[in-house]
Amino acid sequence: MILVAYIINGNCIRCGACEPQCPVDAISAGEDRYVINEDLCISCGACAAVCPVNAPKDEDQVD
């Protein structure tokens, strides 16, 4: 199974709920939304589980 990194789409409202949930510190505040470092992401989905606007998606689900 190949794991793909999550990314945060344009739905992000910069609430910050995702950042402390990441077990590998792959999430940080970007200019207009939070961003996920693809090299660090382990595709665990912890960020997606807490996001109130469903912004984190794995790369295969991005529109």
Protein backbone atom coordinates (compact mmCIF):
# COMPACT_ATOMS: atom_id res chain seq x y z
CA MET A 1 0.00 0.00 0.00
CA ILE A 2 1.33 3.42 -0.96
CA LEU A 3 0.53 6.24 1.44
CA VAL A 4 -0.10 9.66 -0.01
CA ALA A 5 0.33 12.84 1.96
CA TYR A 6 -2.61 14.94 3.00
CA ILE A 7 -2.94 18.50 1.76
CA ILE A 8 -5.16 21.29 3.03
CA ASN A 9 -7.52 22.71 0.42
CA GLY A 10 -9.03 26.16 0.06
CA ASN A 11 -11.80 25.39 2.54
CA CYS A 12 -9.31 26.06 5.37
CA ILE A 13 -10.51 28.81 7.74
CA ARG A 14 -7.21 28.98 9.66
CA CYS A 15 -8.81 27.86 12.92
CA GLY A 16 -5.69 25.91 13.91
CA ALA A 17 -7.53 22.79 15.08
CA CYS A 18 -5.37 20.53 12.91
CA GLU A 19 -1.89 21.69 13.88
CA PRO A 20 -1.71 20.32 17.45
CA GLN A 21 -3.24 17.00 16.34
CA CYS A 22 -0.43 16.11 13.94
CA PRO A 23 1.81 13.51 15.61
CA VAL A 24 4.79 14.37 13.40
CA ASP A 25 4.51 18.20 13.41
CA ALA A 26 3.93 18.31 9.65
CA ILE A 27 1.35 21.14 9.82
CA SER A 28 2.15 24.83 10.01
CA ALA A 29 0.41 28.14 9.35
CA GLY A 30 0.80 29.28 5.78
CA GLU A 31 0.03 32.64 4.24
CA ASP A 32 -3.67 32.02 3.61
CA ARG A 33 -4.25 28.54 5.09
CA TYR A 34 -2.48 25.87 7.09
CA VAL A 35 -0.11 23.71 5.08
CA ILE A 36 1.16 20.16 5.42
CA ASN A 37 4.77 19.25 4.75
CA GLU A 38 4.41 16.29 2.38
CA ASP A 39 7.82 14.94 3.35
CA LEU A 40 6.76 14.62 7.00
CA CYS A 41 3.10 13.60 6.60
CA ILE A 42 2.42 9.98 7.56
CA SER A 43 -1.17 9.98 6.21
CA CYS A 44 -2.68 9.22 9.61
CA GLY A 45 -5.73 11.46 9.10
CA ALA A 46 -5.60 13.04 12.55
CA CYS A 47 -5.89 16.50 10.97
CA ALA A 48 -8.91 15.50 8.90
CA ALA A 49 -10.67 14.06 11.93
CA VAL A 50 -10.71 17.40 13.77
CA CYS A 51 -11.18 19.87 10.90
CA PRO A 52 -14.56 21.64 11.13
CA VAL A 53 -14.62 22.41 7.38
CA ASN A 54 -13.19 19.17 5.97
CA ALA A 55 -10.14 20.93 4.49
CA PRO A 56 -7.45 18.23 4.86
CA LYS A 57 -7.72 15.64 2.10
CA ASP A 58 -5.37 12.99 0.92
CA GLU A 59 -3.85 13.92 -2.42
CA ASP A 60 -6.07 11.45 -4.27
CA GLN A 61 -9.24 13.21 -3.03
CA VAL A 62 -8.35 16.79 -3.95
CA ASP A 63 -10.60 18.52 -6.49
